[in-house]
């Protein structure tokens, strides 16, 4: 059974919700397919616990005071303060347990890469989330990417390399890079590329000196 969180119907609307926030209570709304939107309020402490435990798009139960049974919902959106990033408002989406939903799921990087440990490679994170589709009860809190297999410089892991249960469909581009081991600056490969570039510039300047003719010389030749 999913975790259950309690909320109360909210009569405070508009700009007056600032009073709620000062009292440690956040405004929220419950909406969904074919249902009327319901204004509710929830303790800020409970919001912090909820987001830390479940994040977005993970199935939870929402018990609205006065209703007989909890509603199956996911947190669809969190309004945050632009500077402090503290939560200011929540949107709960009431789901149909028999109907799939889509959502963005965080990517958690685990393990240690031999290329970083032994070769001095630098771990580059390309994307910290993937888009997936699943029944509400199957929606994961996150997906895990182990960097243990990254043993060589330039090795990478893409969306196609994820090990995902069959109950979940990944919608992100399979070629999307999740993590890659980049070469540290000053490696032999970098020095070779810089040397080749300098050599090419030198050859170009030498060619101009031997066979090239300045615009002034060409102009003098045409006039003589």
N, C-alpha and C. Protein backbone atom coordinates (compact mmCIF):
# COMPACT_ATOMS: atom_id res chain seq x y z
N UNK A 1 0.84 -1.19 0.00
CA UNK A 1 0.00 0.00 0.00
C UNK A 1 0.88 1.25 0.00
N UNK A 2 0.51 2.27 -0.79
CA UNK A 2 1.29 3.50 -0.79
C UNK A 2 1.13 4.27 0.52
N UNK A 3 2.10 5.12 0.81
CA UNK A 3 2.01 5.95 2.02
C UNK A 3 0.82 6.89 1.92
N UNK A 4 0.21 7.17 3.07
CA UNK A 4 -0.96 8.04 3.12
C UNK A 4 -0.60 9.35 3.81
N UNK A 5 -1.02 10.45 3.20
CA UNK A 5 -0.79 11.78 3.75
C UNK A 5 -2.13 12.47 3.92
N UNK A 6 -2.27 13.21 5.02
CA UNK A 6 -3.55 13.85 5.35
C UNK A 6 -3.54 15.32 4.94
N UNK A 7 -4.66 15.75 4.36
CA UNK A 7 -4.84 17.16 4.00
C UNK A 7 -6.24 17.57 4.44
N UNK A 8 -6.46 18.88 4.47
CA UNK A 8 -7.77 19.40 4.83
C UNK A 8 -8.31 20.27 3.70
N UNK A 9 -9.63 20.33 3.54
CA UNK A 9 -10.21 21.24 2.55
C UNK A 9 -9.75 22.67 2.85
N UNK A 10 -9.56 23.45 1.79
CA UNK A 10 -9.03 24.81 1.96
C UNK A 10 -10.07 25.84 1.52
N UNK A 11 -10.37 26.76 2.46
CA UNK A 11 -11.28 27.86 2.14
C UNK A 11 -10.52 29.14 1.83
N UNK A 12 -9.24 29.20 2.23
CA UNK A 12 -8.42 30.39 1.98
C UNK A 12 -7.89 30.35 0.57
N UNK A 13 -8.21 31.39 -0.22
CA UNK A 13 -7.84 31.41 -1.63
C UNK A 13 -7.11 32.72 -1.96
N UNK A 14 -6.56 32.77 -3.18
CA UNK A 14 -5.94 34.01 -3.66
C UNK A 14 -4.74 34.42 -2.84
N UNK A 15 -4.57 35.74 -2.70
CA UNK A 15 -3.41 36.29 -1.99
C UNK A 15 -3.44 35.97 -0.49
N UNK A 16 -4.61 35.60 0.00
CA UNK A 16 -4.72 35.33 1.44
C UNK A 16 -4.00 34.05 1.86
N UNK A 17 -3.54 33.25 0.87
CA UNK A 17 -2.82 32.01 1.23
C UNK A 17 -1.49 32.33 1.89
N UNK A 18 -1.02 33.59 1.78
CA UNK A 18 0.22 33.96 2.46
C UNK A 18 0.09 33.75 3.96
N UNK A 19 -1.12 33.92 4.49
CA UNK A 19 -1.34 33.68 5.91
C UNK A 19 -1.10 32.22 6.26
N UNK A 20 -1.53 31.33 5.37
CA UNK A 20 -1.31 29.90 5.61
C UNK A 20 0.18 29.59 5.68
N UNK A 21 0.92 30.13 4.71
CA UNK A 21 2.35 29.83 4.67
C UNK A 21 3.05 30.33 5.93
N UNK A 22 2.65 31.49 6.43
CA UNK A 22 3.26 32.00 7.66
C UNK A 22 2.96 31.09 8.85
N UNK A 23 1.87 30.34 8.74
CA UNK A 23 1.49 29.41 9.81
C UNK A 23 2.05 28.01 9.58
N UNK A 24 2.90 27.85 8.57
CA UNK A 24 3.51 26.54 8.31
C UNK A 24 2.60 25.59 7.56
N UNK A 25 1.65 26.14 6.79
CA UNK A 25 0.71 25.33 6.01
C UNK A 25 0.79 25.77 4.54
N UNK A 26 0.82 24.81 3.62
CA UNK A 26 0.93 25.13 2.20
C UNK A 26 -0.38 24.87 1.46
N UNK A 27 -0.73 25.74 0.53
CA UNK A 27 -1.91 25.50 -0.31
C UNK A 27 -1.61 24.43 -1.36
N UNK A 28 -2.66 23.71 -1.73
CA UNK A 28 -2.51 22.67 -2.75
C UNK A 28 -3.85 22.49 -3.47
N UNK A 29 -3.79 21.80 -4.60
CA UNK A 29 -4.99 21.47 -5.36
C UNK A 29 -4.95 20.02 -5.78
N UNK A 30 -6.12 19.40 -5.80
CA UNK A 30 -6.27 18.04 -6.30
C UNK A 30 -7.11 18.12 -7.57
N UNK A 31 -6.57 17.58 -8.67
CA UNK A 31 -7.31 17.58 -9.93
C UNK A 31 -7.08 16.25 -10.62
N UNK A 32 -7.83 16.01 -11.67
CA UNK A 32 -7.69 14.75 -12.39
C UNK A 32 -8.70 14.65 -13.52
N UNK A 33 -8.60 13.56 -14.25
CA UNK A 33 -9.48 13.33 -15.39
C UNK A 33 -10.92 13.11 -14.91
N UNK A 34 -11.82 13.97 -15.36
CA UNK A 34 -13.23 13.80 -15.07
C UNK A 34 -13.66 14.12 -13.66
N UNK A 35 -12.82 14.82 -12.88
CA UNK A 35 -13.21 15.18 -11.51
C UNK A 35 -13.07 16.69 -11.33
N UNK A 36 -13.82 17.23 -10.40
CA UNK A 36 -13.71 18.65 -10.09
C UNK A 36 -12.47 18.90 -9.24
N UNK A 37 -11.78 20.02 -9.52
CA UNK A 37 -10.61 20.39 -8.74
C UNK A 37 -11.02 20.72 -7.31
N UNK A 38 -10.20 20.28 -6.35
CA UNK A 38 -10.47 20.50 -4.94
C UNK A 38 -9.30 21.26 -4.33
N UNK A 39 -9.60 22.40 -3.66
CA UNK A 39 -8.57 23.16 -2.97
C UNK A 39 -8.35 22.55 -1.58
N UNK A 40 -7.08 22.25 -1.27
CA UNK A 40 -6.74 21.64 0.02
C UNK A 40 -5.52 22.34 0.60
N UNK A 41 -5.21 22.00 1.83
CA UNK A 41 -4.01 22.53 2.48
C UNK A 41 -3.33 21.42 3.25
N UNK A 42 -1.99 21.53 3.35
CA UNK A 42 -1.20 20.47 3.96
C UNK A 42 -0.06 21.08 4.76
N UNK A 43 0.30 20.43 5.85
CA UNK A 43 1.38 20.92 6.70
C UNK A 43 2.69 20.95 5.91
N UNK A 44 3.44 22.04 6.06
CA UNK A 44 4.72 22.17 5.35
C UNK A 44 5.68 21.05 5.72
N UNK A 45 5.66 20.64 6.99
CA UNK A 45 6.52 19.54 7.43
C UNK A 45 6.20 18.26 6.67
N UNK A 46 4.91 17.98 6.47
CA UNK A 46 4.51 16.79 5.74
C UNK A 46 4.94 16.87 4.27
N UNK A 47 4.92 18.07 3.71
CA UNK A 47 5.35 18.26 2.33
C UNK A 47 6.82 17.91 2.18
N UNK A 48 7.64 18.38 3.11
CA UNK A 48 9.07 18.07 3.04
C UNK A 48 9.30 16.56 3.12
N UNK A 49 8.59 15.91 4.02
CA UNK A 49 8.74 14.46 4.15
C UNK A 49 8.27 13.75 2.87
N UNK A 50 7.15 14.20 2.33
CA UNK A 50 6.58 13.59 1.13
C UNK A 50 7.56 13.69 -0.04
N UNK A 51 8.08 14.90 -0.28
CA UNK A 51 8.97 15.10 -1.43
C UNK A 51 10.28 14.36 -1.26
N UNK A 52 10.78 14.28 -0.04
CA UNK A 52 12.02 13.55 0.19
C UNK A 52 11.84 12.05 -0.02
N UNK A 53 10.69 11.54 0.38
CA UNK A 53 10.45 10.10 0.27
C UNK A 53 10.01 9.67 -1.12
N UNK A 54 9.27 10.53 -1.82
CA UNK A 54 8.64 10.09 -3.06
C UNK A 54 8.94 10.96 -4.28
N UNK A 55 9.21 12.23 -4.10
CA UNK A 55 9.43 13.09 -5.25
C UNK A 55 8.15 13.27 -6.06
N UNK A 56 8.33 13.47 -7.38
CA UNK A 56 7.19 13.66 -8.26
C UNK A 56 6.77 12.35 -8.91
N UNK A 57 5.49 12.28 -9.27
CA UNK A 57 4.95 11.22 -10.12
C UNK A 57 4.96 9.82 -9.50
N UNK A 58 5.14 9.74 -8.19
CA UNK A 58 5.10 8.44 -7.51
C UNK A 58 3.79 8.32 -6.74
N UNK A 59 3.17 7.17 -6.83
CA UNK A 59 1.85 6.96 -6.24
C UNK A 59 1.87 7.08 -4.72
N UNK A 60 0.95 7.90 -4.20
CA UNK A 60 0.72 8.00 -2.76
C UNK A 60 -0.80 8.05 -2.55
N UNK A 61 -1.23 7.95 -1.29
CA UNK A 61 -2.64 8.10 -0.95
C UNK A 61 -2.85 9.43 -0.24
N UNK A 62 -3.89 10.13 -0.63
CA UNK A 62 -4.19 11.43 -0.05
C UNK A 62 -5.55 11.35 0.64
N UNK A 63 -5.53 11.49 1.96
CA UNK A 63 -6.76 11.45 2.73
C UNK A 63 -7.24 12.88 2.99
N UNK A 64 -8.34 13.25 2.33
CA UNK A 64 -8.92 14.57 2.55
C UNK A 64 -9.89 14.47 3.71
N UNK A 65 -9.70 15.34 4.71
CA UNK A 65 -10.56 15.30 5.89
C UNK A 65 -12.03 15.41 5.49
N UNK A 66 -12.84 14.50 6.06
CA UNK A 66 -14.27 14.48 5.76
C UNK A 66 -14.66 13.48 4.70
N UNK A 67 -13.68 12.92 3.97
CA UNK A 67 -13.98 11.93 2.94
C UNK A 67 -13.78 10.53 3.49
N UNK A 68 -14.54 9.58 2.96
CA UNK A 68 -14.52 8.22 3.49
C UNK A 68 -13.23 7.47 3.17
N UNK A 69 -12.72 7.65 1.97
CA UNK A 69 -11.55 6.87 1.55
C UNK A 69 -10.48 7.79 0.97
N UNK A 70 -9.22 7.38 1.11
CA UNK A 70 -8.14 8.18 0.51
C UNK A 70 -8.17 8.12 -1.01
N UNK A 71 -7.61 9.12 -1.64
CA UNK A 71 -7.54 9.18 -3.10
C UNK A 71 -6.14 8.78 -3.57
N UNK A 72 -6.05 8.00 -4.65
CA UNK A 72 -4.73 7.70 -5.21
C UNK A 72 -4.25 8.89 -6.04
N UNK A 73 -3.11 9.44 -5.70
CA UNK A 73 -2.61 10.63 -6.39
C UNK A 73 -1.11 10.53 -6.58
N UNK A 74 -0.61 11.40 -7.44
CA UNK A 74 0.83 11.65 -7.56
C UNK A 74 1.04 13.15 -7.47
N UNK A 75 2.20 13.56 -7.00
CA UNK A 75 2.54 14.98 -7.02
C UNK A 75 2.96 15.32 -8.44
N UNK A 76 2.20 16.17 -9.10
CA UNK A 76 2.48 16.49 -10.50
C UNK A 76 3.35 17.73 -10.63
N UNK A 77 3.22 18.67 -9.68
CA UNK A 77 4.02 19.89 -9.79
C UNK A 77 4.20 20.51 -8.41
N UNK A 78 5.35 21.16 -8.23
CA UNK A 78 5.65 21.86 -6.98
C UNK A 78 6.05 23.29 -7.33
N UNK A 79 5.28 24.27 -6.83
CA UNK A 79 5.67 25.66 -6.98
C UNK A 79 6.67 26.02 -5.91
N UNK A 80 7.80 26.64 -6.30
CA UNK A 80 8.86 26.93 -5.35
C UNK A 80 9.22 28.42 -5.37
N UNK A 81 9.76 28.88 -4.26
CA UNK A 81 10.25 30.25 -4.16
C UNK A 81 11.43 30.41 -5.12
N UNK A 82 11.48 31.49 -5.91
CA UNK A 82 12.53 31.62 -6.92
C UNK A 82 13.95 31.73 -6.36
N UNK A 83 14.09 32.14 -5.11
CA UNK A 83 15.41 32.31 -4.52
C UNK A 83 15.74 31.17 -3.56
N UNK A 84 14.88 30.93 -2.59
CA UNK A 84 15.16 29.92 -1.56
C UNK A 84 14.83 28.51 -2.02
N UNK A 85 13.99 28.37 -3.06
CA UNK A 85 13.56 27.08 -3.60
C UNK A 85 12.72 26.28 -2.61
N UNK A 86 12.21 26.91 -1.58
CA UNK A 86 11.31 26.22 -0.66
C UNK A 86 9.95 26.04 -1.32
N UNK A 87 9.25 24.94 -1.04
CA UNK A 87 7.93 24.71 -1.64
C UNK A 87 6.92 25.77 -1.21
N UNK A 88 6.11 26.21 -2.17
CA UNK A 88 5.06 27.18 -1.90
C UNK A 88 3.67 26.65 -2.21
N UNK A 89 3.59 25.68 -3.12
CA UNK A 89 2.29 25.18 -3.58
C UNK A 89 2.48 23.81 -4.21
N UNK A 90 1.49 22.93 -4.07
CA UNK A 90 1.54 21.61 -4.66
C UNK A 90 0.32 21.36 -5.53
N UNK A 91 0.54 20.60 -6.60
CA UNK A 91 -0.56 20.10 -7.42
C UNK A 91 -0.56 18.57 -7.33
N UNK A 92 -1.66 18.02 -6.83
CA UNK A 92 -1.83 16.57 -6.77
C UNK A 92 -2.72 16.14 -7.94
N UNK A 93 -2.28 15.12 -8.65
CA UNK A 93 -3.07 14.59 -9.77
C UNK A 93 -3.69 13.26 -9.34
N UNK A 94 -5.01 13.19 -9.33
CA UNK A 94 -5.69 11.95 -8.97
C UNK A 94 -5.66 11.00 -10.15
N UNK A 95 -5.16 9.80 -9.94
CA UNK A 95 -4.92 8.87 -11.04
C UNK A 95 -5.96 7.76 -11.07
N UNK A 96 -6.08 7.15 -12.24
CA UNK A 96 -6.83 5.92 -12.42
C UNK A 96 -5.81 4.79 -12.34
N UNK A 97 -5.95 3.91 -11.37
CA UNK A 97 -4.95 2.86 -11.15
C UNK A 97 -4.80 1.91 -12.31
N UNK A 98 -5.78 1.89 -13.22
CA UNK A 98 -5.74 1.00 -14.38
C UNK A 98 -5.26 1.72 -15.64
N UNK A 99 -4.89 2.97 -15.51
CA UNK A 99 -4.49 3.77 -16.67
C UNK A 99 -3.06 4.25 -16.48
N UNK A 100 -2.21 4.12 -17.50
CA UNK A 100 -0.81 4.52 -17.38
C UNK A 100 -0.68 6.03 -17.32
N UNK A 101 0.38 6.47 -16.67
CA UNK A 101 0.72 7.88 -16.61
C UNK A 101 2.16 8.04 -17.08
N UNK A 102 2.52 9.24 -17.44
CA UNK A 102 3.89 9.54 -17.84
C UNK A 102 4.48 10.54 -16.86
N UNK A 103 5.78 10.51 -16.73
CA UNK A 103 6.43 11.45 -15.82
C UNK A 103 7.95 11.39 -15.94
N UNK A 104 8.59 12.39 -15.38
CA UNK A 104 10.04 12.46 -15.36
C UNK A 104 10.55 11.81 -14.08
N UNK A 105 11.52 10.90 -14.21
CA UNK A 105 12.05 10.16 -13.08
C UNK A 105 13.54 10.49 -12.91
N UNK A 106 13.98 10.83 -11.70
CA UNK A 106 15.40 11.16 -11.49
C UNK A 106 16.32 9.97 -11.77
N UNK A 107 17.53 10.27 -12.21
CA UNK A 107 18.57 9.26 -12.41
C UNK A 107 19.57 9.38 -11.25
N UNK A 108 19.76 8.27 -10.52
CA UNK A 108 20.72 8.24 -9.42
C UNK A 108 21.98 7.50 -9.88
N UNK A 109 23.12 8.17 -9.81
CA UNK A 109 24.40 7.58 -10.21
C UNK A 109 25.03 6.91 -9.00
N UNK A 110 25.44 5.64 -9.17
CA UNK A 110 26.04 4.90 -8.06
C UNK A 110 27.35 4.26 -8.50
N UNK A 111 28.13 3.82 -7.52
CA UNK A 111 29.35 3.08 -7.80
C UNK A 111 30.55 3.98 -8.07
N UNK A 112 31.65 3.34 -8.45
CA UNK A 112 32.89 4.04 -8.76
C UNK A 112 33.40 3.58 -10.11
N UNK A 113 33.80 4.51 -10.95
CA UNK A 113 34.30 4.18 -12.28
C UNK A 113 35.80 3.92 -12.23
N UNK A 114 36.27 2.76 -12.76
CA UNK A 114 37.72 2.52 -12.83
C UNK A 114 38.45 3.57 -13.66
N UNK A 115 37.76 4.13 -14.67
CA UNK A 115 38.40 5.15 -15.51
C UNK A 115 38.65 6.43 -14.73
N UNK A 116 37.78 6.73 -13.78
CA UNK A 116 37.99 7.90 -12.92
C UNK A 116 39.07 7.60 -11.89
N UNK A 117 38.98 6.43 -11.28
CA UNK A 117 39.91 6.07 -10.20
C UNK A 117 41.34 5.86 -10.70
N UNK A 118 41.48 5.13 -11.83
CA UNK A 118 42.81 4.71 -12.28
C UNK A 118 43.40 5.58 -13.39
N UNK A 119 42.55 6.21 -14.18
CA UNK A 119 43.04 6.96 -15.35
C UNK A 119 42.85 8.47 -15.23
N UNK A 120 42.25 8.90 -14.12
CA UNK A 120 42.08 10.34 -13.94
C UNK A 120 40.97 10.94 -14.77
N UNK A 121 40.07 10.09 -15.28
CA UNK A 121 38.97 10.60 -16.08
C UNK A 121 38.01 11.44 -15.26
N UNK A 122 37.24 12.25 -15.95
CA UNK A 122 36.28 13.14 -15.30
C UNK A 122 34.87 12.68 -15.64
N UNK A 123 34.03 12.49 -14.62
CA UNK A 123 32.67 12.03 -14.83
C UNK A 123 31.79 13.20 -15.25
N UNK A 124 31.17 13.07 -16.42
CA UNK A 124 30.26 14.08 -16.94
C UNK A 124 28.84 13.52 -16.94
N UNK A 125 27.92 14.21 -16.27
CA UNK A 125 26.51 13.79 -16.23
C UNK A 125 25.77 14.54 -17.32
N UNK A 126 25.20 13.77 -18.26
CA UNK A 126 24.51 14.39 -19.38
C UNK A 126 23.07 14.72 -19.08
N UNK A 127 22.36 13.82 -18.41
CA UNK A 127 20.96 14.04 -18.07
C UNK A 127 20.70 13.43 -16.70
N UNK A 128 19.98 14.18 -15.87
CA UNK A 128 19.72 13.69 -14.51
C UNK A 128 18.31 13.13 -14.35
N UNK A 129 17.60 12.93 -15.47
CA UNK A 129 16.25 12.36 -15.40
C UNK A 129 15.89 11.73 -16.74
N UNK A 130 14.92 10.83 -16.72
CA UNK A 130 14.39 10.23 -17.94
C UNK A 130 12.87 10.25 -17.88
N UNK A 131 12.27 10.27 -19.05
CA UNK A 131 10.81 10.27 -19.15
C UNK A 131 10.33 8.83 -19.31
N UNK A 132 9.36 8.43 -18.48
CA UNK A 132 8.88 7.06 -18.51
C UNK A 132 7.35 7.03 -18.48
N UNK A 133 6.81 5.86 -18.80
CA UNK A 133 5.36 5.62 -18.75
C UNK A 133 5.11 4.31 -18.02
N UNK A 134 4.13 4.31 -17.12
CA UNK A 134 3.83 3.10 -16.35
C UNK A 134 2.49 3.28 -15.65
N UNK A 135 1.95 2.18 -15.17
CA UNK A 135 0.80 2.27 -14.30
C UNK A 135 1.23 3.00 -13.02
N UNK A 136 0.32 3.73 -12.38
CA UNK A 136 0.71 4.50 -11.19
C UNK A 136 1.45 3.68 -10.14
N UNK A 137 1.01 2.45 -9.90
CA UNK A 137 1.64 1.62 -8.87
C UNK A 137 3.03 1.16 -9.27
N UNK A 138 3.36 1.21 -10.57
CA UNK A 138 4.66 0.75 -11.05
C UNK A 138 5.65 1.89 -11.29
N UNK A 139 5.18 3.13 -11.13
CA UNK A 139 6.06 4.28 -11.38
C UNK A 139 7.17 4.33 -10.34
N UNK A 140 8.44 4.27 -10.77
CA UNK A 140 9.55 4.24 -9.80
C UNK A 140 9.85 5.61 -9.21
N UNK A 141 10.43 5.62 -8.02
CA UNK A 141 10.90 6.88 -7.42
C UNK A 141 12.09 7.43 -8.20
N UNK A 142 12.92 6.52 -8.71
CA UNK A 142 14.12 6.90 -9.47
C UNK A 142 14.63 5.68 -10.21
N UNK A 143 15.55 5.89 -11.14
CA UNK A 143 16.26 4.80 -11.80
C UNK A 143 17.74 4.91 -11.45
N UNK A 144 18.40 3.77 -11.35
CA UNK A 144 19.80 3.74 -10.92
C UNK A 144 20.72 3.46 -12.09
N UNK A 145 21.81 4.20 -12.16
CA UNK A 145 22.85 3.98 -13.16
C UNK A 145 24.15 3.72 -12.43
N UNK A 146 24.71 2.52 -12.61
CA UNK A 146 26.01 2.20 -12.01
C UNK A 146 27.11 2.57 -12.99
N UNK A 147 28.13 3.28 -12.49
CA UNK A 147 29.25 3.65 -13.36
C UNK A 147 30.43 2.68 -13.22
N UNK A 148 30.18 1.56 -12.55
CA UNK A 148 31.23 0.54 -12.41
C UNK A 148 31.76 0.04 -13.76
N UNK A 149 30.91 -0.12 -14.82
CA UNK A 149 31.43 -0.63 -16.09
C UNK A 149 32.29 0.37 -16.87
N UNK A 150 32.33 1.63 -16.46
CA UNK A 150 33.08 2.64 -17.22
C UNK A 150 34.56 2.54 -16.88
N UNK A 151 35.27 1.71 -17.65
CA UNK A 151 36.67 1.42 -17.34
C UNK A 151 37.66 2.18 -18.20
N UNK A 152 37.20 2.76 -19.31
CA UNK A 152 38.10 3.45 -20.24
C UNK A 152 37.64 4.89 -20.43
N UNK A 153 38.58 5.75 -20.80
CA UNK A 153 38.25 7.13 -21.12
C UNK A 153 37.32 7.15 -22.33
N UNK A 154 36.35 8.03 -22.34
CA UNK A 154 35.34 8.19 -23.40
C UNK A 154 34.23 7.15 -23.32
N UNK A 155 34.29 6.21 -22.35
CA UNK A 155 33.16 5.30 -22.14
C UNK A 155 31.93 6.10 -21.71
N UNK A 156 30.74 5.62 -22.08
CA UNK A 156 29.52 6.31 -21.69
C UNK A 156 28.37 5.33 -21.49
N UNK A 157 27.34 5.81 -20.81
CA UNK A 157 26.11 5.06 -20.62
C UNK A 157 24.97 5.91 -21.16
N UNK A 158 24.14 5.30 -22.01
CA UNK A 158 23.01 6.00 -22.60
C UNK A 158 21.70 5.43 -22.05
N UNK A 159 20.60 6.04 -22.43
CA UNK A 159 19.28 5.57 -21.99
C UNK A 159 19.07 4.11 -22.40
N UNK A 160 19.58 3.74 -23.57
CA UNK A 160 19.41 2.37 -24.05
C UNK A 160 20.08 1.34 -23.15
N UNK A 161 21.04 1.75 -22.34
CA UNK A 161 21.76 0.83 -21.45
C UNK A 161 21.05 0.62 -20.11
N UNK A 162 19.98 1.36 -19.85
CA UNK A 162 19.29 1.22 -18.58
C UNK A 162 18.63 -0.16 -18.45
N UNK A 163 18.69 -0.70 -17.25
CA UNK A 163 17.99 -1.95 -16.96
C UNK A 163 16.67 -1.59 -16.27
N UNK A 164 15.59 -1.63 -17.04
CA UNK A 164 14.28 -1.18 -16.59
C UNK A 164 13.30 -2.36 -16.58
N UNK A 165 12.50 -2.49 -15.53
CA UNK A 165 11.48 -3.57 -15.52
C UNK A 165 10.55 -3.47 -16.72
N UNK A 166 10.01 -4.61 -17.13
CA UNK A 166 9.13 -4.65 -18.30
C UNK A 166 7.84 -3.87 -18.08
N UNK A 167 7.50 -3.61 -16.84
CA UNK A 167 6.27 -2.86 -16.54
C UNK A 167 6.42 -1.37 -16.80
N UNK A 168 7.64 -0.94 -17.11
CA UNK A 168 7.92 0.48 -17.33
C UNK A 168 8.41 0.69 -18.76
N UNK A 169 7.86 1.68 -19.44
CA UNK A 169 8.29 2.03 -20.79
C UNK A 169 9.08 3.33 -20.74
N UNK A 170 10.29 3.31 -21.26
CA UNK A 170 11.12 4.51 -21.29
C UNK A 170 10.80 5.29 -22.56
N UNK A 171 10.45 6.57 -22.40
CA UNK A 171 10.07 7.40 -23.53
C UNK A 171 11.22 8.28 -24.03
N UNK A 172 12.26 8.44 -23.24
CA UNK A 172 13.39 9.28 -23.64
C UNK A 172 14.14 8.65 -24.82
N UNK A 173 14.84 9.47 -25.58
CA UNK A 173 15.64 9.02 -26.71
C UNK A 173 16.66 7.99 -26.23
N UNK A 174 16.68 6.79 -26.83
CA UNK A 174 17.63 5.76 -26.36
C UNK A 174 19.09 6.17 -26.52
N UNK A 175 19.37 7.12 -27.42
CA UNK A 175 20.75 7.57 -27.61
C UNK A 175 21.15 8.69 -26.66
N UNK A 176 20.21 9.14 -25.83
CA UNK A 176 20.49 10.23 -24.90
C UNK A 176 21.56 9.80 -23.90
N UNK A 177 22.61 10.61 -23.79
CA UNK A 177 23.72 10.29 -22.90
C UNK A 177 23.36 10.61 -21.45
N UNK A 178 23.61 9.65 -20.57
CA UNK A 178 23.37 9.85 -19.14
C UNK A 178 24.66 10.21 -18.41
N UNK A 179 25.70 9.41 -18.62
CA UNK A 179 27.01 9.71 -18.03
C UNK A 179 28.10 9.34 -19.03
N UNK A 180 29.21 10.05 -18.93
CA UNK A 180 30.36 9.79 -19.81
C UNK A 180 31.63 10.12 -19.06
N UNK A 181 32.70 9.38 -19.39
CA UNK A 181 34.02 9.67 -18.82
C UNK A 181 34.79 10.50 -19.84
N UNK A 182 35.08 11.73 -19.48
CA UNK A 182 35.82 12.61 -20.38
C UNK A 182 37.30 12.60 -20.01
N UNK A 183 38.11 12.97 -20.98
CA UNK A 183 39.56 12.99 -20.77
C UNK A 183 39.97 14.23 -19.99
N UNK A 184 40.87 14.07 -19.02
CA UNK A 184 41.36 15.25 -18.31
C UNK A 184 42.23 16.10 -19.23
N UNK A 185 42.22 17.40 -19.01
CA UNK A 185 43.06 18.28 -19.81
C UNK A 185 44.53 17.96 -19.59
N UNK A 186 45.33 18.09 -20.67
CA UNK A 186 46.75 17.83 -20.55
C UNK A 186 47.14 16.40 -20.83
N UNK A 187 46.17 15.55 -21.30
CA UNK A 187 46.51 14.17 -21.63
C UNK A 187 47.27 14.13 -22.94
N UNK A 188 47.84 12.97 -23.21
CA UNK A 188 48.61 12.80 -24.44
C UNK A 188 47.75 13.07 -25.67
N UNK A 189 46.49 12.65 -25.61
CA UNK A 189 45.60 12.87 -26.76
C UNK A 189 45.39 14.35 -27.01
N UNK A 190 45.22 15.12 -25.94
CA UNK A 190 45.05 16.57 -26.10
C UNK A 190 46.31 17.20 -26.69
N UNK A 191 47.48 16.78 -26.19
CA UNK A 191 48.73 17.35 -26.68
C UNK A 191 48.94 17.03 -28.16
N UNK A 192 48.56 15.82 -28.58
CA UNK A 192 48.68 15.45 -29.99
C UNK A 192 47.78 16.32 -30.86
N UNK A 193 46.52 16.55 -30.38
CA UNK A 193 45.61 17.37 -31.16
C UNK A 193 46.14 18.80 -31.28
N UNK A 194 46.69 19.35 -30.18
CA UNK A 194 47.22 20.69 -30.22
C UNK A 194 48.43 20.77 -31.15
N UNK A 195 49.30 19.74 -31.10
CA UNK A 195 50.47 19.71 -31.96
C UNK A 195 50.08 19.65 -33.43
N UNK A 196 49.06 18.82 -33.75
CA UNK A 196 48.59 18.72 -35.13
C UNK A 196 48.03 20.05 -35.61
N UNK A 197 47.31 20.74 -34.71
CA UNK A 197 46.76 22.04 -35.07
C UNK A 197 47.84 23.06 -35.35
N UNK A 198 48.88 23.09 -34.50
CA UNK A 198 49.98 24.02 -34.71
C UNK A 198 50.74 23.69 -35.98
N UNK A 199 50.92 22.40 -36.26
CA UNK A 199 51.63 21.99 -37.46
C UNK A 199 50.88 22.42 -38.71
N UNK A 200 49.54 22.26 -38.68
CA UNK A 200 48.72 22.65 -39.83
C UNK A 200 48.81 24.14 -40.07
N UNK A 201 48.80 24.94 -39.00
CA UNK A 201 48.90 26.39 -39.16
C UNK A 201 50.26 26.77 -39.74
N UNK A 202 51.31 26.09 -39.28
CA UNK A 202 52.65 26.39 -39.77
C UNK A 202 52.77 26.07 -41.25
N UNK A 203 52.20 24.94 -41.70
CA UNK A 203 52.25 24.55 -43.10
C UNK A 203 51.51 25.55 -43.97
N UNK A 204 50.36 26.03 -43.44
CA UNK A 204 49.58 27.01 -44.20
C UNK A 204 50.35 28.30 -44.38
N UNK A 205 51.02 28.77 -43.33
CA UNK A 205 51.79 30.00 -43.44
C UNK A 205 52.97 29.82 -44.38
N UNK A 206 53.59 28.64 -44.35
CA UNK A 206 54.73 28.38 -45.22
C UNK A 206 54.30 28.37 -46.68
N UNK A 207 53.10 27.77 -46.94
CA UNK A 207 52.60 27.72 -48.32
C UNK A 207 52.34 29.12 -48.85
N UNK A 208 51.83 30.01 -48.06
CA UNK A 208 51.58 31.37 -48.49
C UNK A 208 52.88 32.09 -48.79
N UNK A 209 53.87 31.81 -47.96
CA UNK A 209 55.16 32.49 -48.16
C UNK A 209 55.82 32.04 -49.45
N UNK A 210 55.69 30.76 -49.82
CA UNK A 210 56.38 30.24 -51.00
C UNK A 210 55.62 30.54 -52.28
N UNK A 211 54.34 30.25 -52.31
CA UNK A 211 53.61 30.36 -53.59
C UNK A 211 52.61 31.47 -53.63
N UNK A 212 52.32 32.13 -52.50
CA UNK A 212 51.29 33.16 -52.46
C UNK A 212 51.82 34.48 -52.97
N UNK A 213 50.94 35.39 -53.35
CA UNK A 213 51.31 36.70 -53.83
C UNK A 213 50.43 37.73 -53.15
N UNK A 214 51.01 38.74 -52.60
CA UNK A 214 50.22 39.73 -51.87
C UNK A 214 49.33 40.50 -52.82
N UNK A 215 48.20 41.02 -52.35
CA UNK A 215 47.30 41.80 -53.20
C UNK A 215 48.02 42.98 -53.83
N UNK A 216 48.96 43.60 -53.12
CA UNK A 216 49.67 44.75 -53.67
C UNK A 216 50.52 44.35 -54.86
N UNK A 217 51.21 43.18 -54.74
CA UNK A 217 52.06 42.71 -55.83
C UNK A 217 51.23 42.38 -57.04
N UNK A 218 50.08 41.74 -56.82
CA UNK A 218 49.22 41.40 -57.96
C UNK A 218 48.73 42.64 -58.66
N UNK A 219 48.40 43.66 -57.90
CA UNK A 219 47.93 44.91 -58.49
C UNK A 219 49.01 45.57 -59.31
N UNK A 220 50.27 45.52 -58.79
CA UNK A 220 51.39 46.12 -59.52
C UNK A 220 51.63 45.36 -60.81
N UNK A 221 51.45 43.99 -60.78
CA UNK A 221 51.70 43.21 -61.98
C UNK A 221 50.69 43.52 -63.05
N UNK A 222 49.44 43.76 -62.69
CA UNK A 222 48.42 44.03 -63.69
C UNK A 222 48.63 45.39 -64.32
N UNK A 223 49.18 46.31 -63.58
CA UNK A 223 49.31 47.66 -64.11
C UNK A 223 50.55 47.85 -64.95
N UNK A 224 51.53 46.99 -64.90
CA UNK A 224 52.81 47.17 -65.62
C UNK A 224 52.71 46.72 -67.04
